[in-house]
Amino acid sequence: DIKKVQAGTSTPVAGAVFLHTMPNGSTKELTTNGSGEITITGLASGTHKIKEIKSPDGYQLNPNEVVFNVASGTGKITFTSGTNSLVTQGTKDSGDGYATFGDKVNPFNLKITKTNEHGKALKGAEFTLYSDADCKNVVDTQISDEKGLLTFKNLDVEKTYYFEETKAPQGYRIPVDENGKAYVHSVYVSATPQTNTFEFTVDGIKYDTSKTSGNVRLEGSKKDRVVAVDITNKTTQLLPETGSNGTILLIGLGVAVIAFALYKSKKDKMISK
């Protein structure tokens, strides 16, 4: 009896394909049913091998091959290797064997889009990902590209990550809270692909598969989930780049102020006369 479950749970996984290699070298593909089970009867004596060759969408393939022996005469099953890939294994009183395989959920990606307050993509924003709330254990560091995009890949589900902007693009400032500290964001994901359940929590707010738009949203598919977050930088008080709209506005404002001052001065003189 073979059973397939989601690792760390008792949730059965249907649709997993196993390859059974028999003592004579012949093979047969077997697929777990709706209860995540396969039952093989009439096993010949000798060495048998079982290996998962295809996992359902949303799960990682268990790469380990399990080997067991069927005793001649008694038919008793004894596992000989590969049992480290099993959740449980053993032999019943009848001599029949059982093995439970656990498959991990696929990792997810965290995608950040960096823009300014006018929606312009910002290149060169550096973000750091941590495994602890104190932001001391660095997992990865990424820098936004020309489209303002950066991605932290292959993150584990059921594990909280923390991320913050550690360097702003030139001419911009890192967003800070009321205490002047850089915002530290958090992300946590839990998933059960068999039931198409995917929940993600960003900065304490929980979302599910229905959240596919907005500044926080879910992208990708059951096989390859992406938590997407948009973060905005505001322009600093430094002068904008030469030739930009900001420069034109500043020049225009300066001219207006000077013209008003001259007009007021001239009017004051006329009144005094």
C-alpha atoms as a PDB file:
ATOM      1  CA  ASP A   1       0.000   0.000   0.000  1.00  0.00           C
ATOM      2  CA  ILE A   2       1.412   3.344  -1.107  1.00  0.00           C
ATOM      3  CA  LYS A   3       0.048   6.649   0.141  1.00  0.00           C
ATOM      4  CA  LYS A   4       0.962  10.165  -0.905  1.00  0.00           C
ATOM      5  CA  VAL A   5       0.474  13.177   1.397  1.00  0.00           C
ATOM      6  CA  GLN A   6       1.529  16.801   1.539  1.00  0.00           C
ATOM      7  CA  ALA A   7       4.671  16.959   3.662  1.00  0.00           C
ATOM      8  CA  GLY A   8       3.986  17.896   7.265  1.00  0.00           C
ATOM      9  CA  THR A   9       0.266  17.177   6.944  1.00  0.00           C
ATOM     10  CA  SER A  10      -2.152  14.291   6.482  1.00  0.00           C
ATOM     11  CA  THR A  11      -3.627  15.850   3.325  1.00  0.00           C
ATOM     12  CA  PRO A  12      -3.769  13.163   0.602  1.00  0.00           C
ATOM     13  CA  VAL A  13      -2.277  14.022  -2.771  1.00  0.00           C
ATOM     14  CA  ALA A  14      -4.024  12.610  -5.829  1.00  0.00           C
ATOM     15  CA  GLY A  15      -2.491  12.407  -9.298  1.00  0.00           C
ATOM     16  CA  ALA A  16       1.093  11.581  -8.296  1.00  0.00           C
ATOM     17  CA  VAL A  17       2.675   9.134 -10.737  1.00  0.00           C
ATOM     18  CA  PHE A  18       5.041   6.398  -9.521  1.00  0.00           C
ATOM     19  CA  LEU A  19       7.220   4.003 -11.464  1.00  0.00           C
ATOM     20  CA  HIS A  20       7.256   0.450 -10.132  1.00  0.00           C
ATOM     21  CA  THR A  21      10.261  -1.621 -11.212  1.00  0.00           C
ATOM     22  CA  MET A  22       9.740  -5.350 -10.667  1.00  0.00           C
ATOM     23  CA  PRO A  23      12.335  -8.090  -9.998  1.00  0.00           C
ATOM     24  CA  ASN A  24      12.401  -9.124 -13.680  1.00  0.00           C
ATOM     25  CA  GLY A  25      13.193  -5.550 -14.734  1.00  0.00           C
ATOM     26  CA  SER A  26       9.792  -4.750 -16.166  1.00  0.00           C
ATOM     27  CA  THR A  27       8.152  -1.457 -15.138  1.00  0.00           C
ATOM     28  CA  LYS A  28       4.688  -0.083 -14.655  1.00  0.00           C
ATOM     29  CA  GLU A  29       3.387   3.428 -14.004  1.00  0.00           C
ATOM     30  CA  LEU A  30       0.922   3.842 -11.164  1.00  0.00           C
ATOM     31  CA  THR A  31      -1.106   6.935 -10.189  1.00  0.00           C
ATOM     32  CA  THR A  32      -2.471   7.815  -6.762  1.00  0.00           C
ATOM     33  CA  ASN A  33      -6.269   7.936  -6.595  1.00  0.00           C
ATOM     34  CA  GLY A  34      -8.518  10.565  -5.011  1.00  0.00           C
ATOM     35  CA  SER A  35      -7.449   9.352  -1.568  1.00  0.00           C
ATOM     36  CA  GLY A  36      -3.779   9.657  -2.520  1.00  0.00           C
ATOM     37  CA  GLU A  37      -3.376   5.861  -2.513  1.00  0.00           C
ATOM     38  CA  ILE A  38      -2.094   3.015  -4.682  1.00  0.00           C
ATOM     39  CA  THR A  39      -2.465  -0.667  -3.818  1.00  0.00           C
ATOM     40  CA  ILE A  40      -0.255  -3.212  -5.580  1.00  0.00           C
ATOM     41  CA  THR A  41      -1.297  -6.847  -5.255  1.00  0.00           C
ATOM     42  CA  GLY A  42       0.301 -10.146  -6.210  1.00  0.00           C
ATOM     43  CA  LEU A  43       3.899  -8.995  -5.841  1.00  0.00           C
ATOM     44  CA  ALA A  44       6.508 -11.443  -7.123  1.00  0.00           C
ATOM     45  CA  SER A  45       9.320 -12.421  -4.768  1.00  0.00           C
ATOM     46  CA  GLY A  46      12.552 -10.474  -5.145  1.00  0.00           C
ATOM     47  CA  THR A  47      13.619  -6.833  -5.208  1.00  0.00           C
ATOM     48  CA  HIS A  48      11.166  -4.090  -6.107  1.00  0.00           C
ATOM     49  CA  LYS A  49      11.724  -0.379  -6.603  1.00  0.00           C
ATOM     50  CA  ILE A  50       9.263   2.494  -6.303  1.00  0.00           C
ATOM     51  CA  LYS A  51       9.998   6.042  -7.426  1.00  0.00           C
ATOM     52  CA  GLU A  52       7.840   9.103  -7.989  1.00  0.00           C
ATOM     53  CA  ILE A  53       8.267  10.335 -11.566  1.00  0.00           C
ATOM     54  CA  LYS A  54       5.595  13.047 -11.766  1.00  0.00           C
ATOM     55  CA  SER A  55       4.154  15.240  -9.040  1.00  0.00           C
ATOM     56  CA  PRO A  56       0.867  17.177  -9.270  1.00  0.00           C
ATOM     57  CA  ASP A  57       1.053  20.920  -9.931  1.00  0.00           C
ATOM     58  CA  GLY A  58       2.122  22.812  -6.841  1.00  0.00           C
ATOM     59  CA  TYR A  59       4.267  20.042  -5.373  1.00  0.00           C
ATOM     60  CA  GLN A  60       7.969  19.225  -5.541  1.00  0.00           C
ATOM     61  CA  LEU A  61       8.950  15.857  -6.943  1.00  0.00           C
ATOM     62  CA  ASN A  62      10.265  13.417  -4.345  1.00  0.00           C
ATOM     63  CA  PRO A  63      13.467  12.230  -6.081  1.00  0.00           C
ATOM     64  CA  ASN A  64      14.313   9.284  -3.835  1.00  0.00           C
ATOM     65  CA  GLU A  65      13.854   5.697  -4.921  1.00  0.00           C
ATOM     66  CA  VAL A  66      12.478   3.279  -2.345  1.00  0.00           C
ATOM     67  CA  VAL A  67      13.655  -0.335  -2.512  1.00  0.00           C
ATOM     68  CA  PHE A  68      11.952  -3.268  -0.802  1.00  0.00           C
ATOM     69  CA  ASN A  69      12.234  -7.032  -0.914  1.00  0.00           C
ATOM     70  CA  VAL A  70       9.440  -9.610  -1.074  1.00  0.00           C
ATOM     71  CA  ALA A  71      10.488 -12.861   0.635  1.00  0.00           C
ATOM     72  CA  SER A  72      10.031 -16.095  -1.290  1.00  0.00           C
ATOM     73  CA  GLY A  73       7.373 -18.351   0.245  1.00  0.00           C
ATOM     74  CA  THR A  74       6.103 -15.991   2.967  1.00  0.00           C
ATOM     75  CA  GLY A  75       5.707 -12.909   0.769  1.00  0.00           C
ATOM     76  CA  LYS A  76       6.818 -10.750   3.674  1.00  0.00           C
ATOM     77  CA  ILE A  77       7.972  -7.280   2.673  1.00  0.00           C
ATOM     78  CA  THR A  78      11.172  -5.739   4.008  1.00  0.00           C
ATOM     79  CA  PHE A  79      12.311  -2.211   3.113  1.00  0.00           C
ATOM     80  CA  THR A  80      16.015  -2.101   2.329  1.00  0.00           C
ATOM     81  CA  SER A  81      16.825   1.458   1.200  1.00  0.00           C
ATOM     82  CA  GLY A  82      15.434   4.855   0.342  1.00  0.00           C
ATOM     83  CA  THR A  83      13.250   4.940   3.440  1.00  0.00           C
ATOM     84  CA  ASN A  84      14.574   8.418   4.297  1.00  0.00           C
ATOM     85  CA  SER A  85      12.146   9.709   1.667  1.00  0.00           C
ATOM     86  CA  LEU A  86       9.164   8.180   3.463  1.00  0.00           C
ATOM     87  CA  VAL A  87       6.954   9.579   6.196  1.00  0.00           C
ATOM     88  CA  THR A  88       6.129   6.071   7.404  1.00  0.00           C
ATOM     89  CA  GLN A  89       6.992   2.565   6.283  1.00  0.00           C
ATOM     90  CA  GLY A  90       6.687  -0.931   7.680  1.00  0.00           C
ATOM     91  CA  THR A  91       5.108  -4.363   7.507  1.00  0.00           C
ATOM     92  CA  LYS A  92       1.660  -5.364   8.717  1.00  0.00           C
ATOM     93  CA  ASP A  93       0.934  -8.569  10.653  1.00  0.00           C
ATOM     94  CA  SER A  94      -0.056 -10.201   7.383  1.00  0.00           C
ATOM     95  CA  GLY A  95       3.352  -9.451   5.914  1.00  0.00           C
ATOM     96  CA  ASP A  96       1.958  -6.786   3.592  1.00  0.00           C
ATOM     97  CA  GLY A  97       3.952  -3.570   3.411  1.00  0.00           C
ATOM     98  CA  TYR A  98       2.934   0.071   3.562  1.00  0.00           C
ATOM     99  CA  ALA A  99       4.752   3.257   2.666  1.00  0.00           C
ATOM    100  CA  THR A 100       3.735   6.915   2.909  1.00  0.00           C
ATOM    101  CA  PHE A 101       5.502   9.458   0.701  1.00  0.00           C
ATOM    102  CA  GLY A 102       5.496  13.167   1.599  1.00  0.00           C
ATOM    103  CA  ASP A 103       5.812  15.866  -1.047  1.00  0.00           C
ATOM    104  CA  LYS A 104       6.785  19.444  -0.240  1.00  0.00           C
ATOM    105  CA  VAL A 105       4.832  22.368  -1.650  1.00  0.00           C
ATOM    106  CA  ASN A 106       6.601  24.278  -4.418  1.00  0.00           C
ATOM    107  CA  PRO A 107       8.447  27.421  -3.289  1.00  0.00           C
ATOM    108  CA  PHE A 108       7.097  30.836  -4.273  1.00  0.00           C
ATOM    109  CA  ASN A 109       8.644  34.016  -5.647  1.00  0.00           C
ATOM    110  CA  LEU A 110       8.376  37.524  -4.215  1.00  0.00           C
ATOM    111  CA  LYS A 111       8.305  40.199  -6.937  1.00  0.00           C
ATOM    112  CA  ILE A 112       8.735  43.879  -6.099  1.00  0.00           C
ATOM    113  CA  THR A 113       7.941  46.707  -8.512  1.00  0.00           C
ATOM    114  CA  LYS A 114       9.575  50.019  -7.637  1.00  0.00           C
ATOM    115  CA  THR A 115       8.136  53.317  -8.906  1.00  0.00           C
ATOM    116  CA  ASN A 116       8.057  56.971  -7.930  1.00  0.00           C
ATOM    117  CA  GLU A 117       4.892  58.832  -6.939  1.00  0.00           C
ATOM    118  CA  HIS A 118       4.122  59.464 -10.623  1.00  0.00           C
ATOM    119  CA  GLY A 119       4.293  55.801 -11.618  1.00  0.00           C
ATOM    120  CA  LYS A 120       7.730  55.980 -13.248  1.00  0.00           C
ATOM    121  CA  ALA A 121       9.750  52.760 -12.964  1.00  0.00           C
ATOM    122  CA  LEU A 122      12.863  53.193 -10.844  1.00  0.00           C
ATOM    123  CA  LYS A 123      16.095  51.406 -11.616  1.00  0.00           C
ATOM    124  CA  GLY A 124      18.729  50.854  -8.923  1.00  0.00           C
ATOM    125  CA  ALA A 125      16.569  50.375  -5.826  1.00  0.00           C
ATOM    126  CA  GLU A 126      18.242  47.824  -3.543  1.00  0.00           C
ATOM    127  CA  PHE A 127      16.142  45.518  -1.377  1.00  0.00           C
ATOM    128  CA  THR A 128      17.383  43.000   1.179  1.00  0.00           C
ATOM    129  CA  LEU A 129      15.473  39.925   2.308  1.00  0.00           C
ATOM    130  CA  TYR A 130      15.889  38.558   5.841  1.00  0.00           C
ATOM    131  CA  SER A 131      14.786  35.449   7.716  1.00  0.00           C
ATOM    132  CA  ASP A 132      14.352  37.295  11.022  1.00  0.00           C
ATOM    133  CA  ALA A 133      12.374  40.301  12.239  1.00  0.00           C
ATOM    134  CA  ASP A 134      15.561  41.991  13.488  1.00  0.00           C
ATOM    135  CA  CYS A 135      16.864  42.024   9.904  1.00  0.00           C
ATOM    136  CA  LYS A 136      20.225  40.470  10.774  1.00  0.00           C
ATOM    137  CA  ASN A 137      20.108  37.168   8.861  1.00  0.00           C
ATOM    138  CA  VAL A 138      20.341  38.072   5.176  1.00  0.00           C
ATOM    139  CA  VAL A 139      18.711  35.648   2.729  1.00  0.00           C
ATOM    140  CA  ASP A 140      19.270  37.608  -0.480  1.00  0.00           C
ATOM    141  CA  THR A 141      19.797  41.094  -1.925  1.00  0.00           C
ATOM    142  CA  GLN A 142      18.373  42.263  -5.252  1.00  0.00           C
ATOM    143  CA  ILE A 143      18.437  45.517  -7.258  1.00  0.00           C
ATOM    144  CA  SER A 144      15.582  46.741  -9.468  1.00  0.00           C
ATOM    145  CA  ASP A 145      16.113  46.735 -13.244  1.00  0.00           C
ATOM    146  CA  GLU A 146      15.065  49.239 -15.923  1.00  0.00           C
ATOM    147  CA  LYS A 147      11.429  48.233 -15.415  1.00  0.00           C
ATOM    148  CA  GLY A 148      11.696  48.758 -11.679  1.00  0.00           C
ATOM    149  CA  LEU A 149      11.469  45.009 -11.086  1.00  0.00           C
ATOM    150  CA  LEU A 150      13.350  42.704  -8.768  1.00  0.00           C
ATOM    151  CA  THR A 151      12.513  39.160  -7.634  1.00  0.00           C
ATOM    152  CA  PHE A 152      13.417  36.992  -4.671  1.00  0.00           C
ATOM    153  CA  LYS A 153      13.097  33.407  -5.887  1.00  0.00           C
ATOM    154  CA  ASN A 154      12.442  29.979  -4.375  1.00  0.00           C
ATOM    155  CA  LEU A 155      11.114  31.065  -0.996  1.00  0.00           C
ATOM    156  CA  ASP A 156       9.729  28.438   1.376  1.00  0.00           C
ATOM    157  CA  VAL A 157       6.059  28.348   2.308  1.00  0.00           C
ATOM    158  CA  GLU A 158       5.095  28.483   5.980  1.00  0.00           C
ATOM    159  CA  LYS A 159       8.083  30.654   6.756  1.00  0.00           C
ATOM    160  CA  THR A 160       8.006  34.383   7.475  1.00  0.00           C
ATOM    161  CA  TYR A 161      10.396  36.602   5.518  1.00  0.00           C
ATOM    162  CA  TYR A 162      11.178  40.278   6.105  1.00  0.00           C
ATOM    163  CA  PHE A 163      12.349  42.756   3.479  1.00  0.00           C
ATOM    164  CA  GLU A 164      13.325  46.413   3.367  1.00  0.00           C
ATOM    165  CA  GLU A 165      14.757  48.922   0.958  1.00  0.00           C
ATOM    166  CA  THR A 166      18.425  49.291   1.821  1.00  0.00           C
ATOM    167  CA  LYS A 167      19.446  51.726  -0.912  1.00  0.00           C
ATOM    168  CA  ALA A 168      17.269  54.171  -2.835  1.00  0.00           C
ATOM    169  CA  PRO A 169      17.852  55.147  -6.482  1.00  0.00           C
ATOM    170  CA  GLN A 170      19.772  58.397  -7.024  1.00  0.00           C
ATOM    171  CA  GLY A 171      17.527  61.408  -6.384  1.00  0.00           C
ATOM    172  CA  TYR A 172      15.115  59.489  -4.167  1.00  0.00           C
ATOM    173  CA  ARG A 173      14.800  58.636  -0.517  1.00  0.00           C
ATOM    174  CA  ILE A 174      13.977  55.398   1.275  1.00  0.00           C
ATOM    175  CA  PRO A 175      10.408  55.469   2.657  1.00  0.00           C
ATOM    176  CA  VAL A 176      10.426  55.838   6.444  1.00  0.00           C
ATOM    177  CA  ASP A 177       7.849  55.665   9.231  1.00  0.00           C
ATOM    178  CA  GLU A 178       6.918  58.389  11.725  1.00  0.00           C
ATOM    179  CA  ASN A 179      10.062  57.574  13.719  1.00  0.00           C
ATOM    180  CA  GLY A 180      12.318  58.037  10.719  1.00  0.00           C
ATOM    181  CA  LYS A 181      13.034  54.318  10.368  1.00  0.00           C
ATOM    182  CA  ALA A 182      12.929  52.466   7.062  1.00  0.00           C
ATOM    183  CA  TYR A 183       9.805  50.362   6.618  1.00  0.00           C
ATOM    184  CA  VAL A 184      10.358  46.651   7.182  1.00  0.00           C
ATOM    185  CA  HIS A 185       7.801  44.587   5.299  1.00  0.00           C
ATOM    186  CA  SER A 186       6.858  40.975   5.975  1.00  0.00           C
ATOM    187  CA  VAL A 187       5.509  38.141   3.839  1.00  0.00           C
ATOM    188  CA  TYR A 188       4.180  34.714   4.807  1.00  0.00           C
ATOM    189  CA  VAL A 189       2.641  32.024   2.609  1.00  0.00           C
ATOM    190  CA  SER A 190       0.674  28.856   3.272  1.00  0.00           C
ATOM    191  CA  ALA A 191      -0.614  26.572   0.525  1.00  0.00           C
ATOM    192  CA  THR A 192      -2.475  23.332  -0.144  1.00  0.00           C
ATOM    193  CA  PRO A 193      -2.276  22.817  -3.916  1.00  0.00           C
ATOM    194  CA  GLN A 194      -4.636  19.829  -3.804  1.00  0.00           C
ATOM    195  CA  THR A 195      -7.492  22.128  -2.825  1.00  0.00           C
ATOM    196  CA  ASN A 196      -6.129  25.097  -4.800  1.00  0.00           C
ATOM    197  CA  THR A 197      -5.654  26.934  -1.517  1.00  0.00           C
ATOM    198  CA  PHE A 198      -2.992  29.635  -1.454  1.00  0.00           C
ATOM    199  CA  GLU A 199      -2.982  32.277   1.250  1.00  0.00           C
ATOM    200  CA  PHE A 200      -0.379  35.013   1.574  1.00  0.00           C
ATOM    201  CA  THR A 201       0.042  37.608   4.277  1.00  0.00           C
ATOM    202  CA  VAL A 202       1.850  40.874   3.537  1.00  0.00           C
ATOM    203  CA  ASP A 203       2.444  43.339   6.382  1.00  0.00           C
ATOM    204  CA  GLY A 204      -0.112  41.563   8.548  1.00  0.00           C
ATOM    205  CA  ILE A 205      -2.936  41.540   5.981  1.00  0.00           C
ATOM    206  CA  LYS A 206      -4.039  38.146   4.652  1.00  0.00           C
ATOM    207  CA  TYR A 207      -5.044  37.535   1.035  1.00  0.00           C
ATOM    208  CA  ASP A 208      -6.048  34.507  -1.039  1.00  0.00           C
ATOM    209  CA  THR A 209      -6.186  33.460  -4.700  1.00  0.00           C
ATOM    210  CA  SER A 210      -8.911  36.015  -5.427  1.00  0.00           C
ATOM    211  CA  LYS A 211      -6.458  38.906  -4.862  1.00  0.00           C
ATOM    212  CA  THR A 212      -5.062  39.316  -8.370  1.00  0.00           C
ATOM    213  CA  SER A 213      -4.942  43.122  -8.656  1.00  0.00           C
ATOM    214  CA  GLY A 214      -3.803  46.127  -6.663  1.00  0.00           C
ATOM    215  CA  ASN A 215      -0.510  47.050  -4.984  1.00  0.00           C
ATOM    216  CA  VAL A 216      -0.411  43.606  -3.368  1.00  0.00           C
ATOM    217  CA  ARG A 217      -1.539  40.733  -5.575  1.00  0.00           C
ATOM    218  CA  LEU A 218      -1.049  37.116  -6.614  1.00  0.00           C
ATOM    219  CA  GLU A 219       0.452  36.245  -9.992  1.00  0.00           C
ATOM    220  CA  GLY A 220       1.522  33.008 -11.703  1.00  0.00           C
ATOM    221  CA  SER A 221      -0.248  29.652 -11.502  1.00  0.00           C
ATOM    222  CA  LYS A 222      -0.691  26.791  -9.048  1.00  0.00           C
ATOM    223  CA  LYS A 223       2.626  25.422 -10.299  1.00  0.00           C
ATOM    224  CA  ASP A 224       4.535  28.691  -9.978  1.00  0.00           C
ATOM    225  CA  ARG A 225       3.079  31.212  -7.515  1.00  0.00           C
ATOM    226  CA  VAL A 226       4.306  34.823  -7.351  1.00  0.00           C
ATOM    227  CA  VAL A 227       3.471  37.302  -4.600  1.00  0.00           C
ATOM    228  CA  ALA A 228       3.725  40.755  -6.198  1.00  0.00           C
ATOM    229  CA  VAL A 229       4.157  43.998  -4.233  1.00  0.00           C
ATOM    230  CA  ASP A 230       4.360  47.576  -5.560  1.00  0.00           C
ATOM    231  CA  ILE A 231       6.421  50.044  -3.522  1.00  0.00           C
ATOM    232  CA  THR A 232       6.679  53.798  -4.176  1.00  0.00           C
ATOM    233  CA  ASN A 233       9.637  56.110  -3.629  1.00  0.00           C
ATOM    234  CA  LYS A 234       9.178  59.853  -3.303  1.00  0.00           C
ATOM    235  CA  THR A 235      11.542  62.367  -4.850  1.00  0.00           C
ATOM    236  CA  THR A 236      14.011  63.965  -2.440  1.00  0.00           C
ATOM    237  CA  GLN A 237      14.350  67.723  -1.964  1.00  0.00           C
ATOM    238  CA  LEU A 238      17.442  67.715  -4.165  1.00  0.00           C
ATOM    239  CA  LEU A 239      17.231  69.431  -7.551  1.00  0.00           C
ATOM    240  CA  PRO A 240      15.893  67.094 -10.257  1.00  0.00           C
ATOM    241  CA  GLU A 241      17.943  66.117 -13.258  1.00  0.00           C
ATOM    242  CA  THR A 242      18.699  68.874 -15.793  1.00  0.00           C
ATOM    243  CA  GLY A 243      16.111  69.030 -18.540  1.00  0.00           C
ATOM    244  CA  SER A 244      13.461  67.198 -16.526  1.00  0.00           C
ATOM    245  CA  ASN A 245       9.921  68.475 -16.001  1.00  0.00           C
ATOM    246  CA  GLY A 246      10.941  69.339 -12.463  1.00  0.00           C
ATOM    247  CA  THR A 247      13.644  71.693 -13.717  1.00  0.00           C
ATOM    248  CA  ILE A 248      11.202  73.479 -16.038  1.00  0.00           C
ATOM    249  CA  LEU A 249       8.711  73.905 -13.206  1.00  0.00           C
ATOM    250  CA  LEU A 250      11.360  75.341 -10.897  1.00  0.00           C
ATOM    251  CA  ILE A 251      12.561  77.807 -13.527  1.00  0.00           C
ATOM    252  CA  GLY A 252       8.997  78.861 -14.292  1.00  0.00           C
ATOM    253  CA  LEU A 253       8.268  79.354 -10.593  1.00  0.00           C
ATOM    254  CA  GLY A 254      11.418  81.442 -10.196  1.00  0.00           C
ATOM    255  CA  VAL A 255      10.525  83.678 -13.140  1.00  0.00           C
ATOM    256  CA  ALA A 256       7.004  84.168 -11.756  1.00  0.00           C
ATOM    257  CA  VAL A 257       8.341  85.160  -8.339  1.00  0.00           C
ATOM    258  CA  ILE A 258      10.770  87.697  -9.831  1.00  0.00           C
ATOM    259  CA  ALA A 259       8.079  89.170 -12.101  1.00  0.00           C
ATOM    260  CA  PHE A 260       5.696  89.520  -9.163  1.00  0.00           C
ATOM    261  CA  ALA A 261       8.399  91.209  -7.082  1.00  0.00           C
ATOM    262  CA  LEU A 262       9.160  93.714  -9.839  1.00  0.00           C
ATOM    263  CA  TYR A 263       5.471  94.427 -10.375  1.00  0.00           C
ATOM    264  CA  LYS A 264       4.860  94.969  -6.659  1.00  0.00           C
ATOM    265  CA  SER A 265       7.924  97.219  -6.366  1.00  0.00           C
ATOM    266  CA  LYS A 266       6.778  99.353  -9.310  1.00  0.00           C
ATOM    267  CA  LYS A 267       3.240  99.592  -7.925  1.00  0.00           C
ATOM    268  CA  ASP A 268       4.538 100.647  -4.498  1.00  0.00           C
ATOM    269  CA  LYS A 269       6.575 103.448  -6.099  1.00  0.00           C
ATOM    270  CA  MET A 270       3.559 104.723  -8.023  1.00  0.00           C
ATOM    271  CA  ILE A 271       1.496 104.815  -4.857  1.00  0.00           C
ATOM    272  CA  SER A 272       4.198 106.685  -2.968  1.00  0.00           C
ATOM    273  CA  LYS A 273       4.221 109.345  -5.697  1.00  0.00           C
END
